[in-house]
Amino acid sequence: MIQSTMAQALEQQLEQKLHTLTPDFLQIINESHMHSGPATDSHFKVTLVSSAFDGVRTVARHQKVYGILAEELQGPVHALALHLYSPEEWRSMEQVPASPNCLGGSKSEAGSADHAS
């Protein structure tokens, strides 16, 4: 899938900001094509492994990333799937969880209409 220049720039911006957590592994995937509604580059999946997450609860990890990306979450980023691991947790992972198909917007309405008949 070919990404727009704006999407690439946004991914680079996210990556640059997330590097403040000194990641052992960082992957940012634009999943906008999987979501209903207007075609915008606004849905991202982030997998980040960092010792900054050692002994930190899941909610606090998410809050830390939300704080780092606050500006983007107020503007160009509509949805952010976060998979945040300590290095020890990452070693026990077989793979990053797959993202579910979007059921929001027109897709959920179409599904409801199909089930109503």
PDB file of N, CA and C in Angstrom:
ATOM      1  N   MET A   1       0.838  -1.179   0.000  1.00  0.00           N
ATOM      2  CA  MET A   1       0.000   0.000   0.000  1.00  0.00           C
ATOM      3  C   MET A   1       0.887   1.247   0.000  1.00  0.00           C
ATOM      4  N   ILE A   2       0.618   2.159  -0.886  1.00  0.00           N
ATOM      5  CA  ILE A   2       1.386   3.389  -0.999  1.00  0.00           C
ATOM      6  C   ILE A   2       0.794   4.426  -0.044  1.00  0.00           C
ATOM      7  N   GLN A   3       1.666   4.998   0.770  1.00  0.00           N
ATOM      8  CA  GLN A   3       1.221   6.001   1.728  1.00  0.00           C
ATOM      9  C   GLN A   3       1.450   7.395   1.178  1.00  0.00           C
ATOM     10  N   SER A   4       0.610   8.300   1.605  1.00  0.00           N
ATOM     11  CA  SER A   4       0.784   9.690   1.214  1.00  0.00           C
ATOM     12  C   SER A   4       2.000  10.278   1.926  1.00  0.00           C
ATOM     13  N   THR A   5       2.497  11.357   1.384  1.00  0.00           N
ATOM     14  CA  THR A   5       3.625  12.056   1.996  1.00  0.00           C
ATOM     15  C   THR A   5       3.251  12.541   3.390  1.00  0.00           C
ATOM     16  N   MET A   6       1.993  12.983   3.548  1.00  0.00           N
ATOM     17  CA  MET A   6       1.534  13.448   4.863  1.00  0.00           C
ATOM     18  C   MET A   6       1.546  12.307   5.874  1.00  0.00           C
ATOM     19  N   ALA A   7       1.115  11.116   5.459  1.00  0.00           N
ATOM     20  CA  ALA A   7       1.106   9.962   6.360  1.00  0.00           C
ATOM     21  C   ALA A   7       2.522   9.592   6.767  1.00  0.00           C
ATOM     22  N   GLN A   8       3.442   9.614   5.809  1.00  0.00           N
ATOM     23  CA  GLN A   8       4.837   9.304   6.113  1.00  0.00           C
ATOM     24  C   GLN A   8       5.418  10.321   7.088  1.00  0.00           C
ATOM     25  N   ALA A   9       5.104  11.586   6.887  1.00  0.00           N
ATOM     26  CA  ALA A   9       5.595  12.642   7.778  1.00  0.00           C
ATOM     27  C   ALA A   9       5.027  12.464   9.184  1.00  0.00           C
ATOM     28  N   LEU A  10       3.754  12.100   9.270  1.00  0.00           N
ATOM     29  CA  LEU A  10       3.130  11.887  10.573  1.00  0.00           C
ATOM     30  C   LEU A  10       3.761  10.692  11.283  1.00  0.00           C
ATOM     31  N   GLU A  11       3.995   9.616  10.562  1.00  0.00           N
ATOM     32  CA  GLU A  11       4.655   8.447  11.154  1.00  0.00           C
ATOM     33  C   GLU A  11       6.042   8.818  11.665  1.00  0.00           C
ATOM     34  N   GLN A  12       6.782   9.591  10.905  1.00  0.00           N
ATOM     35  CA  GLN A  12       8.118  10.019  11.332  1.00  0.00           C
ATOM     36  C   GLN A  12       8.037  10.886  12.586  1.00  0.00           C
ATOM     37  N   GLN A  13       7.016  11.729  12.655  1.00  0.00           N
ATOM     38  CA  GLN A  13       6.817  12.581  13.827  1.00  0.00           C
ATOM     39  C   GLN A  13       6.508  11.719  15.053  1.00  0.00           C
ATOM     40  N   LEU A  14       5.626  10.734  14.888  1.00  0.00           N
ATOM     41  CA  LEU A  14       5.306   9.828  15.988  1.00  0.00           C
ATOM     42  C   LEU A  14       6.558   9.080  16.433  1.00  0.00           C
ATOM     43  N   GLU A  15       7.306   8.573  15.463  1.00  0.00           N
ATOM     44  CA  GLU A  15       8.519   7.812  15.770  1.00  0.00           C
ATOM     45  C   GLU A  15       9.527   8.672  16.528  1.00  0.00           C
ATOM     46  N   GLN A  16       9.732   9.882  16.067  1.00  0.00           N
ATOM     47  CA  GLN A  16      10.690  10.779  16.711  1.00  0.00           C
ATOM     48  C   GLN A  16      10.303  11.025  18.169  1.00  0.00           C
ATOM     49  N   LYS A  17       9.037  11.290  18.401  1.00  0.00           N
ATOM     50  CA  LYS A  17       8.593  11.566  19.772  1.00  0.00           C
ATOM     51  C   LYS A  17       8.685  10.315  20.653  1.00  0.00           C
ATOM     52  N   LEU A  18       8.346   9.158  20.107  1.00  0.00           N
ATOM     53  CA  LEU A  18       8.378   7.931  20.895  1.00  0.00           C
ATOM     54  C   LEU A  18       9.801   7.470  21.197  1.00  0.00           C
ATOM     55  N   HIS A  19      10.770   7.955  20.435  1.00  0.00           N
ATOM     56  CA  HIS A  19      12.167   7.604  20.714  1.00  0.00           C
ATOM     57  C   HIS A  19      12.643   8.198  22.033  1.00  0.00           C
ATOM     58  N   THR A  20      11.880   9.118  22.619  1.00  0.00           N
ATOM     59  CA  THR A  20      12.237   9.638  23.943  1.00  0.00           C
ATOM     60  C   THR A  20      12.155   8.540  24.999  1.00  0.00           C
ATOM     61  N   LEU A  21      11.452   7.440  24.682  1.00  0.00           N
ATOM     62  CA  LEU A  21      11.347   6.294  25.598  1.00  0.00           C
ATOM     63  C   LEU A  21      12.486   5.294  25.380  1.00  0.00           C
ATOM     64  N   THR A  22      13.436   5.616  24.528  1.00  0.00           N
ATOM     65  CA  THR A  22      14.584   4.774  24.213  1.00  0.00           C
ATOM     66  C   THR A  22      14.140   3.329  23.955  1.00  0.00           C
ATOM     67  N   PRO A  23      13.378   3.118  22.906  1.00  0.00           N
ATOM     68  CA  PRO A  23      12.835   1.774  22.648  1.00  0.00           C
ATOM     69  C   PRO A  23      13.888   0.766  22.196  1.00  0.00           C
ATOM     70  N   ASP A  24      13.681  -0.480  22.632  1.00  0.00           N
ATOM     71  CA  ASP A  24      14.439  -1.608  22.114  1.00  0.00           C
ATOM     72  C   ASP A  24      13.844  -2.016  20.771  1.00  0.00           C
ATOM     73  N   PHE A  25      12.542  -1.784  20.630  1.00  0.00           N
ATOM     74  CA  PHE A  25      11.817  -2.093  19.402  1.00  0.00           C
ATOM     75  C   PHE A  25      10.691  -1.090  19.275  1.00  0.00           C
ATOM     76  N   LEU A  26      10.509  -0.561  18.079  1.00  0.00           N
ATOM     77  CA  LEU A  26       9.412   0.367  17.807  1.00  0.00           C
ATOM     78  C   LEU A  26       8.911   0.114  16.404  1.00  0.00           C
ATOM     79  N   GLN A  27       7.602  -0.124  16.309  1.00  0.00           N
ATOM     80  CA  GLN A  27       6.964  -0.309  15.004  1.00  0.00           C
ATOM     81  C   GLN A  27       5.689   0.519  14.998  1.00  0.00           C
ATOM     82  N   ILE A  28       5.538   1.319  13.953  1.00  0.00           N
ATOM     83  CA  ILE A  28       4.328   2.123  13.777  1.00  0.00           C
ATOM     84  C   ILE A  28       3.728   1.720  12.444  1.00  0.00           C
ATOM     85  N   ILE A  29       2.470   1.300  12.474  1.00  0.00           N
ATOM     86  CA  ILE A  29       1.784   0.859  11.263  1.00  0.00           C
ATOM     87  C   ILE A  29       0.555   1.729  11.053  1.00  0.00           C
ATOM     88  N   ASN A  30       0.431   2.263   9.860  1.00  0.00           N
ATOM     89  CA  ASN A  30      -0.760   3.024   9.483  1.00  0.00           C
ATOM     90  C   ASN A  30      -1.846   2.017   9.125  1.00  0.00           C
ATOM     91  N   GLU A  31      -2.885   1.950   9.943  1.00  0.00           N
ATOM     92  CA  GLU A  31      -3.987   1.018   9.712  1.00  0.00           C
ATOM     93  C   GLU A  31      -5.247   1.721   9.220  1.00  0.00           C
ATOM     94  N   SER A  32      -5.095   2.907   8.708  1.00  0.00           N
ATOM     95  CA  SER A  32      -6.246   3.696   8.267  1.00  0.00           C
ATOM     96  C   SER A  32      -7.073   2.976   7.214  1.00  0.00           C
ATOM     97  N   HIS A  33      -6.424   2.211   6.363  1.00  0.00           N
ATOM     98  CA  HIS A  33      -7.128   1.492   5.298  1.00  0.00           C
ATOM     99  C   HIS A  33      -8.096   0.441   5.846  1.00  0.00           C
ATOM    100  N   MET A  34      -7.948   0.066   7.120  1.00  0.00           N
ATOM    101  CA  MET A  34      -8.798  -0.955   7.732  1.00  0.00           C
ATOM    102  C   MET A  34     -10.062  -0.368   8.350  1.00  0.00           C
ATOM    103  N   HIS A  35     -10.212   0.940   8.304  1.00  0.00           N
ATOM    104  CA  HIS A  35     -11.308   1.597   9.016  1.00  0.00           C
ATOM    105  C   HIS A  35     -12.288   2.242   8.061  1.00  0.00           C
ATOM    106  N   SER A  36     -13.541   2.272   8.511  1.00  0.00           N
ATOM    107  CA  SER A  36     -14.591   2.861   7.683  1.00  0.00           C
ATOM    108  C   SER A  36     -14.551   4.375   7.780  1.00  0.00           C
ATOM    109  N   GLY A  37     -15.333   4.996   6.954  1.00  0.00           N
ATOM    110  CA  GLY A  37     -15.390   6.450   6.952  1.00  0.00           C
ATOM    111  C   GLY A  37     -14.476   7.012   5.894  1.00  0.00           C
ATOM    112  N   PRO A  38     -14.305   8.323   5.918  1.00  0.00           N
ATOM    113  CA  PRO A  38     -13.465   8.964   4.901  1.00  0.00           C
ATOM    114  C   PRO A  38     -12.029   8.443   4.967  1.00  0.00           C
ATOM    115  N   ALA A  39     -11.396   8.356   3.840  1.00  0.00           N
ATOM    116  CA  ALA A  39     -10.017   7.878   3.765  1.00  0.00           C
ATOM    117  C   ALA A  39      -9.075   8.943   4.296  1.00  0.00           C
ATOM    118  N   THR A  40      -8.628   8.762   5.518  1.00  0.00           N
ATOM    119  CA  THR A  40      -7.649   9.673   6.115  1.00  0.00           C
ATOM    120  C   THR A  40      -6.563   8.829   6.761  1.00  0.00           C
ATOM    121  N   ASP A  41      -5.388   9.370   6.836  1.00  0.00           N
ATOM    122  CA  ASP A  41      -4.282   8.687   7.498  1.00  0.00           C
ATOM    123  C   ASP A  41      -4.300   9.078   8.964  1.00  0.00           C
ATOM    124  N   SER A  42      -5.182   8.430   9.736  1.00  0.00           N
ATOM    125  CA  SER A  42      -5.383   8.846  11.116  1.00  0.00           C
ATOM    126  C   SER A  42      -5.470   7.700  12.117  1.00  0.00           C
ATOM    127  N   HIS A  43      -5.336   6.458  11.662  1.00  0.00           N
ATOM    128  CA  HIS A  43      -5.415   5.291  12.540  1.00  0.00           C
ATOM    129  C   HIS A  43      -4.062   4.582  12.530  1.00  0.00           C
ATOM    130  N   PHE A  44      -3.445   4.486  13.711  1.00  0.00           N
ATOM    131  CA  PHE A  44      -2.115   3.901  13.795  1.00  0.00           C
ATOM    132  C   PHE A  44      -2.037   2.838  14.882  1.00  0.00           C
ATOM    133  N   LYS A  45      -1.179   1.865  14.633  1.00  0.00           N
ATOM    134  CA  LYS A  45      -0.884   0.818  15.610  1.00  0.00           C
ATOM    135  C   LYS A  45       0.584   0.981  15.999  1.00  0.00           C
ATOM    136  N   VAL A  46       0.836   1.102  17.301  1.00  0.00           N
ATOM    137  CA  VAL A  46       2.188   1.278  17.807  1.00  0.00           C
ATOM    138  C   VAL A  46       2.551   0.085  18.672  1.00  0.00           C
ATOM    139  N   THR A  47       3.670  -0.537  18.340  1.00  0.00           N
ATOM    140  CA  THR A  47       4.255  -1.570  19.190  1.00  0.00           C
ATOM    141  C   THR A  47       5.577  -1.003  19.675  1.00  0.00           C
ATOM    142  N   LEU A  48       5.714  -0.914  20.988  1.00  0.00           N
ATOM    143  CA  LEU A  48       6.902  -0.287  21.564  1.00  0.00           C
ATOM    144  C   LEU A  48       7.393  -1.122  22.735  1.00  0.00           C
ATOM    145  N   VAL A  49       8.669  -1.445  22.706  1.00  0.00           N
ATOM    146  CA  VAL A  49       9.320  -2.191  23.784  1.00  0.00           C
ATOM    147  C   VAL A  49      10.368  -1.277  24.396  1.00  0.00           C
ATOM    148  N   SER A  50      10.263  -1.063  25.705  1.00  0.00           N
ATOM    149  CA  SER A  50      11.195  -0.156  26.368  1.00  0.00           C
ATOM    150  C   SER A  50      11.353  -0.535  27.836  1.00  0.00           C
ATOM    151  N   SER A  51      12.559  -0.368  28.340  1.00  0.00           N
ATOM    152  CA  SER A  51      12.786  -0.592  29.770  1.00  0.00           C
ATOM    153  C   SER A  51      12.079   0.476  30.605  1.00  0.00           C
ATOM    154  N   ALA A  52      11.609   1.543  29.955  1.00  0.00           N
ATOM    155  CA  ALA A  52      10.814   2.557  30.658  1.00  0.00           C
ATOM    156  C   ALA A  52       9.507   1.953  31.176  1.00  0.00           C
ATOM    157  N   PHE A  53       9.129   0.784  30.656  1.00  0.00           N
ATOM    158  CA  PHE A  53       7.896   0.130  31.076  1.00  0.00           C
ATOM    159  C   PHE A  53       8.120  -0.952  32.141  1.00  0.00           C
ATOM    160  N   ASP A  54       9.362  -1.172  32.552  1.00  0.00           N
ATOM    161  CA  ASP A  54       9.645  -2.162  33.603  1.00  0.00           C
ATOM    162  C   ASP A  54       8.883  -1.796  34.872  1.00  0.00           C
ATOM    163  N   GLY A  55       8.070  -2.715  35.356  1.00  0.00           N
ATOM    164  CA  GLY A  55       7.344  -2.507  36.603  1.00  0.00           C
ATOM    165  C   GLY A  55       6.237  -1.464  36.527  1.00  0.00           C
ATOM    166  N   VAL A  56       5.869  -1.047  35.324  1.00  0.00           N
ATOM    167  CA  VAL A  56       4.841  -0.017  35.151  1.00  0.00           C
ATOM    168  C   VAL A  56       3.546  -0.685  34.683  1.00  0.00           C
ATOM    169  N   ARG A  57       2.446  -0.364  35.343  1.00  0.00           N
ATOM    170  CA  ARG A  57       1.155  -0.946  34.972  1.00  0.00           C
ATOM    171  C   ARG A  57       0.730  -0.474  33.583  1.00  0.00           C
ATOM    172  N   THR A  58      -0.124  -1.260  32.951  1.00  0.00           N
ATOM    173  CA  THR A  58      -0.576  -0.994  31.585  1.00  0.00           C
ATOM    174  C   THR A  58      -1.178   0.403  31.442  1.00  0.00           C
ATOM    175  N   VAL A  59      -2.034   0.794  32.353  1.00  0.00           N
ATOM    176  CA  VAL A  59      -2.687   2.102  32.266  1.00  0.00           C
ATOM    177  C   VAL A  59      -1.649   3.220  32.310  1.00  0.00           C
ATOM    178  N   ALA A  60      -0.674   3.098  33.182  1.00  0.00           N
ATOM    179  CA  ALA A  60       0.371   4.124  33.297  1.00  0.00           C
ATOM    180  C   ALA A  60       1.231   4.172  32.032  1.00  0.00           C
ATOM    181  N   ARG A  61       1.460   3.025  31.403  1.00  0.00           N
ATOM    182  CA  ARG A  61       2.207   2.995  30.143  1.00  0.00           C
ATOM    183  C   ARG A  61       1.445   3.783  29.076  1.00  0.00           C
ATOM    184  N   HIS A  62       0.152   3.501  28.976  1.00  0.00           N
ATOM    185  CA  HIS A  62      -0.682   4.201  27.995  1.00  0.00           C
ATOM    186  C   HIS A  62      -0.698   5.702  28.278  1.00  0.00           C
ATOM    187  N   GLN A  63      -0.842   6.076  29.539  1.00  0.00           N
ATOM    188  CA  GLN A  63      -0.862   7.489  29.899  1.00  0.00           C
ATOM    189  C   GLN A  63       0.444   8.175  29.504  1.00  0.00           C
ATOM    190  N   LYS A  64       1.554   7.464  29.679  1.00  0.00           N
ATOM    191  CA  LYS A  64       2.860   8.026  29.311  1.00  0.00           C
ATOM    192  C   LYS A  64       2.918   8.301  27.814  1.00  0.00           C
ATOM    193  N   VAL A  65       2.473   7.342  26.999  1.00  0.00           N
ATOM    194  CA  VAL A  65       2.492   7.517  25.545  1.00  0.00           C
ATOM    195  C   VAL A  65       1.499   8.595  25.125  1.00  0.00           C
ATOM    196  N   TYR A  66       0.311   8.600  25.738  1.00  0.00           N
ATOM    197  CA  TYR A  66      -0.661   9.650  25.422  1.00  0.00           C
ATOM    198  C   TYR A  66      -0.080  11.028  25.719  1.00  0.00           C
ATOM    199  N   GLY A  67       0.661  11.154  26.798  1.00  0.00           N
ATOM    200  CA  GLY A  67       1.282  12.427  27.143  1.00  0.00           C
ATOM    201  C   GLY A  67       2.311  12.856  26.114  1.00  0.00           C
ATOM    202  N   ILE A  68       3.109  11.910  25.663  1.00  0.00           N
ATOM    203  CA  ILE A  68       4.135  12.211  24.659  1.00  0.00           C
ATOM    204  C   ILE A  68       3.495  12.628  23.336  1.00  0.00           C
ATOM    205  N   LEU A  69       2.373  11.981  22.984  1.00  0.00           N
ATOM    206  CA  LEU A  69       1.722  12.231  21.696  1.00  0.00           C
ATOM    207  C   LEU A  69       0.477  13.111  21.819  1.00  0.00           C
ATOM    208  N   ALA A  70       0.384  13.887  22.880  1.00  0.00           N
ATOM    209  CA  ALA A  70      -0.815  14.703  23.135  1.00  0.00           C
ATOM    210  C   ALA A  70      -1.169  15.607  21.965  1.00  0.00           C
ATOM    211  N   GLU A  71      -0.181  16.240  21.376  1.00  0.00           N
ATOM    212  CA  GLU A  71      -0.435  17.154  20.266  1.00  0.00           C
ATOM    213  C   GLU A  71      -1.039  16.420  19.064  1.00  0.00           C
ATOM    214  N   GLU A  72      -0.484  15.272  18.742  1.00  0.00           N
ATOM    215  CA  GLU A  72      -0.989  14.495  17.605  1.00  0.00           C
ATOM    216  C   GLU A  72      -2.387  13.944  17.877  1.00  0.00           C
ATOM    217  N   LEU A  73      -2.659  13.583  19.117  1.00  0.00           N
ATOM    218  CA  LEU A  73      -3.978  13.057  19.467  1.00  0.00           C
ATOM    219  C   LEU A  73      -5.057  14.141  19.454  1.00  0.00           C
ATOM    220  N   GLN A  74      -4.653  15.396  19.526  1.00  0.00           N
ATOM    221  CA  GLN A  74      -5.598  16.511  19.421  1.00  0.00           C
ATOM    222  C   GLN A  74      -5.864  16.884  17.970  1.00  0.00           C
ATOM    223  N   GLY A  75      -5.079  16.348  17.062  1.00  0.00           N
ATOM    224  CA  GLY A  75      -5.202  16.740  15.660  1.00  0.00           C
ATOM    225  C   GLY A  75      -5.260  15.567  14.714  1.00  0.00           C
ATOM    226  N   PRO A  76      -4.141  15.254  14.087  1.00  0.00           N
ATOM    227  CA  PRO A  76      -4.169  14.310  12.966  1.00  0.00           C
ATOM    228  C   PRO A  76      -4.413  12.846  13.329  1.00  0.00           C
ATOM    229  N   VAL A  77      -4.152  12.440  14.571  1.00  0.00           N
ATOM    230  CA  VAL A  77      -4.330  11.031  14.944  1.00  0.00           C
ATOM    231  C   VAL A  77      -5.705  10.851  15.574  1.00  0.00           C
ATOM    232  N   HIS A  78      -6.522  10.026  14.939  1.00  0.00           N
ATOM    233  CA  HIS A  78      -7.879   9.764  15.432  1.00  0.00           C
ATOM    234  C   HIS A  78      -7.903   8.538  16.337  1.00  0.00           C
ATOM    235  N   ALA A  79      -7.132   7.511  15.974  1.00  0.00           N
ATOM    236  CA  ALA A  79      -7.128   6.263  16.741  1.00  0.00           C
ATOM    237  C   ALA A  79      -5.700   5.754  16.864  1.00  0.00           C
ATOM    238  N   LEU A  80      -5.392   5.231  18.057  1.00  0.00           N
ATOM    239  CA  LEU A  80      -4.051   4.756  18.333  1.00  0.00           C
ATOM    240  C   LEU A  80      -4.154   3.448  19.100  1.00  0.00           C
ATOM    241  N   ALA A  81      -3.778   2.355  18.464  1.00  0.00           N
ATOM    242  CA  ALA A  81      -3.732   1.048  19.127  1.00  0.00           C
ATOM    243  C   ALA A  81      -2.343   0.898  19.721  1.00  0.00           C
ATOM    244  N   LEU A  82      -2.271   0.705  21.024  1.00  0.00           N
ATOM    245  CA  LEU A  82      -0.984   0.639  21.707  1.00  0.00           C
ATOM    246  C   LEU A  82      -0.703  -0.770  22.211  1.00  0.00           C
ATOM    247  N   HIS A  83       0.486  -1.252  21.870  1.00  0.00           N
ATOM    248  CA  HIS A  83       0.994  -2.529  22.366  1.00  0.00           C
ATOM    249  C   HIS A  83       2.346  -2.201  22.979  1.00  0.00           C
ATOM    250  N   LEU A  84       2.366  -2.074  24.318  1.00  0.00           N
ATOM    251  CA  LEU A  84       3.528  -1.552  25.035  1.00  0.00           C
ATOM    252  C   LEU A  84       4.072  -2.617  25.972  1.00  0.00           C
ATOM    253  N   TYR A  85       5.366  -2.940  25.818  1.00  0.00           N
ATOM    254  CA  TYR A  85       5.952  -4.041  26.558  1.00  0.00           C
ATOM    255  C   TYR A  85       7.292  -3.660  27.173  1.00  0.00           C
ATOM    256  N   SER A  86       7.589  -4.297  28.292  1.00  0.00           N
ATOM    257  CA  SER A  86       8.946  -4.236  28.830  1.00  0.00           C
ATOM    258  C   SER A  86       9.776  -5.236  28.030  1.00  0.00           C
ATOM    259  N   PRO A  87      11.096  -5.129  28.045  1.00  0.00           N
ATOM    260  CA  PRO A  87      11.918  -6.092  27.309  1.00  0.00           C
ATOM    261  C   PRO A  87      11.656  -7.543  27.735  1.00  0.00           C
ATOM    262  N   GLU A  88      11.446  -7.768  29.022  1.00  0.00           N
ATOM    263  CA  GLU A  88      11.174  -9.125  29.512  1.00  0.00           C
ATOM    264  C   GLU A  88       9.854  -9.651  28.954  1.00  0.00           C
ATOM    265  N   GLU A  89       8.824  -8.826  28.953  1.00  0.00           N
ATOM    266  CA  GLU A  89       7.529  -9.238  28.393  1.00  0.00           C
ATOM    267  C   GLU A  89       7.653  -9.535  26.899  1.00  0.00           C
ATOM    268  N   TRP A  90       8.410  -8.695  26.203  1.00  0.00           N
ATOM    269  CA  TRP A  90       8.573  -8.846  24.757  1.00  0.00           C
ATOM    270  C   TRP A  90       9.237 -10.175  24.416  1.00  0.00           C
ATOM    271  N   ARG A  91      10.206 -10.603  25.225  1.00  0.00           N
ATOM    272  CA  ARG A  91      10.893 -11.874  24.974  1.00  0.00           C
ATOM    273  C   ARG A  91       9.928 -13.049  25.012  1.00  0.00           C
ATOM    274  N   SER A  92       8.866 -12.946  25.789  1.00  0.00           N
ATOM    275  CA  SER A  92       7.907 -14.050  25.901  1.00  0.00           C
ATOM    276  C   SER A  92       6.790 -13.980  24.859  1.00  0.00           C
ATOM    277  N   MET A  93       6.771 -12.899  24.070  1.00  0.00           N
ATOM    278  CA  MET A  93       5.727 -12.738  23.050  1.00  0.00           C
ATOM    279  C   MET A  93       6.083 -13.533  21.806  1.00  0.00           C
ATOM    280  N   GLU A  94       5.091 -14.115  21.199  1.00  0.00           N
ATOM    281  CA  GLU A  94       5.321 -14.800  19.936  1.00  0.00           C
ATOM    282  C   GLU A  94       5.165 -13.824  18.778  1.00  0.00           C
ATOM    283  N   GLN A  95       4.232 -12.884  18.924  1.00  0.00           N
ATOM    284  CA  GLN A  95       3.997 -11.878  17.890  1.00  0.00           C
ATOM    285  C   GLN A  95       3.093 -10.784  18.437  1.00  0.00           C
ATOM    286  N   VAL A  96       3.057  -9.689  17.724  1.00  0.00           N
ATOM    287  CA  VAL A  96       2.181  -8.582  18.097  1.00  0.00           C
ATOM    288  C   VAL A  96       0.745  -9.000  17.775  1.00  0.00           C
ATOM    289  N   PRO A  97      -0.198  -8.737  18.673  1.00  0.00           N
ATOM    290  CA  PRO A  97      -1.590  -9.085  18.379  1.00  0.00           C
ATOM    291  C   PRO A  97      -2.087  -8.397  17.106  1.00  0.00           C
ATOM    292  N   ALA A  98      -2.851  -9.132  16.327  1.00  0.00           N
ATOM    293  CA  ALA A  98      -3.439  -8.569  15.107  1.00  0.00           C
ATOM    294  C   ALA A  98      -4.543  -7.590  15.485  1.00  0.00           C
ATOM    295  N   SER A  99      -4.703  -6.585  14.675  1.00  0.00           N
ATOM    296  CA  SER A  99      -5.774  -5.611  14.904  1.00  0.00           C
ATOM    297  C   SER A  99      -7.088  -6.170  14.372  1.00  0.00           C
ATOM    298  N   PRO A 100      -8.184  -5.941  15.101  1.00  0.00           N
ATOM    299  CA  PRO A 100      -9.483  -6.409  14.616  1.00  0.00           C
ATOM    300  C   PRO A 100      -9.972  -5.549  13.454  1.00  0.00           C
ATOM    301  N   ASN A 101     -10.895  -6.076  12.702  1.00  0.00           N
ATOM    302  CA  ASN A 101     -11.521  -5.286  11.648  1.00  0.00           C
ATOM    303  C   ASN A 101     -12.370  -4.204  12.284  1.00  0.00           C
ATOM    304  N   CYS A 102     -12.441  -3.074  11.645  1.00  0.00           N
ATOM    305  CA  CYS A 102     -13.219  -1.953  12.140  1.00  0.00           C
ATOM    306  C   CYS A 102     -14.707  -2.268  12.015  1.00  0.00           C
ATOM    307  N   LEU A 103     -15.447  -1.986  13.064  1.00  0.00           N
ATOM    308  CA  LEU A 103     -16.898  -2.150  13.025  1.00  0.00           C
ATOM    309  C   LEU A 103     -17.604  -0.824  13.265  1.00  0.00           C
ATOM    310  N   GLY A 104     -16.848   0.255  13.241  1.00  0.00           N
ATOM    311  CA  GLY A 104     -17.417   1.568  13.517  1.00  0.00           C
ATOM    312  C   GLY A 104     -18.034   2.194  12.291  1.00  0.00           C
ATOM    313  N   GLY A 105     -18.711   3.295  12.510  1.00  0.00           N
ATOM    314  CA  GLY A 105     -19.268   4.087  11.415  1.00  0.00           C
ATOM    315  C   GLY A 105     -20.198   3.295  10.535  1.00  0.00           C
ATOM    316  N   SER A 106     -20.042   3.442   9.239  1.00  0.00           N
ATOM    317  CA  SER A 106     -20.958   2.837   8.280  1.00  0.00           C
ATOM    318  C   SER A 106     -20.911   1.316   8.308  1.00  0.00           C
ATOM    319  N   LYS A 107     -19.784   0.720   8.720  1.00  0.00           N
ATOM    320  CA  LYS A 107     -19.693  -0.738   8.756  1.00  0.00           C
ATOM    321  C   LYS A 107     -20.611  -1.312   9.825  1.00  0.00           C
ATOM    322  N   SER A 108     -20.658  -0.695  11.013  1.00  0.00           N
ATOM    323  CA  SER A 108     -21.523  -1.221  12.057  1.00  0.00           C
ATOM    324  C   SER A 108     -22.991  -0.995  11.705  1.00  0.00           C
ATOM    325  N   GLU A 109     -23.292   0.122  11.052  1.00  0.00           N
ATOM    326  CA  GLU A 109     -24.664   0.389  10.649  1.00  0.00           C
ATOM    327  C   GLU A 109     -25.116  -0.610   9.596  1.00  0.00           C
ATOM    328  N   ALA A 110     -24.223  -0.936   8.648  1.00  0.00           N
ATOM    329  CA  ALA A 110     -24.546  -1.925   7.623  1.00  0.00           C
ATOM    330  C   ALA A 110     -24.758  -3.279   8.268  1.00  0.00           C
ATOM    331  N   GLY A 111     -23.901  -3.613   9.239  1.00  0.00           N
ATOM    332  CA  GLY A 111     -24.054  -4.892   9.928  1.00  0.00           C
ATOM    333  C   GLY A 111     -25.356  -4.971  10.693  1.00  0.00           C
ATOM    334  N   SER A 112     -25.758  -3.868  11.342  1.00  0.00           N
ATOM    335  CA  SER A 112     -27.023  -3.843  12.069  1.00  0.00           C
ATOM    336  C   SER A 112     -28.192  -4.003  11.108  1.00  0.00           C
ATOM    337  N   ALA A 113     -28.093  -3.353   9.953  1.00  0.00           N
ATOM    338  CA  ALA A 113     -29.171  -3.446   8.990  1.00  0.00           C
ATOM    339  C   ALA A 113     -29.295  -4.868   8.458  1.00  0.00           C
ATOM    340  N   ASP A 114     -28.155  -5.533   8.259  1.00  0.00           N
ATOM    341  CA  ASP A 114     -28.191  -6.917   7.762  1.00  0.00           C
ATOM    342  C   ASP A 114     -28.853  -7.838   8.780  1.00  0.00           C
ATOM    343  N   HIS A 115     -28.586  -7.588  10.071  1.00  0.00           N
ATOM    344  CA  HIS A 115     -29.130  -8.463  11.114  1.00  0.00           C
ATOM    345  C   HIS A 115     -30.579  -8.149  11.416  1.00  0.00           C
ATOM    346  N   ALA A 116     -31.041  -6.965  11.071  1.00  0.00           N
ATOM    347  CA  ALA A 116     -32.409  -6.573  11.377  1.00  0.00           C
ATOM    348  C   ALA A 116     -33.438  -7.212  10.457  1.00  0.00           C
ATOM    349  N   SER A 117     -32.998  -7.647   9.279  1.00  0.00           N
ATOM    350  CA  SER A 117     -33.969  -8.190   8.332  1.00  0.00           C
ATOM    351  C   SER A 117     -34.303  -9.638   8.570  1.00  0.00           C
TER     352      SER A 117
END
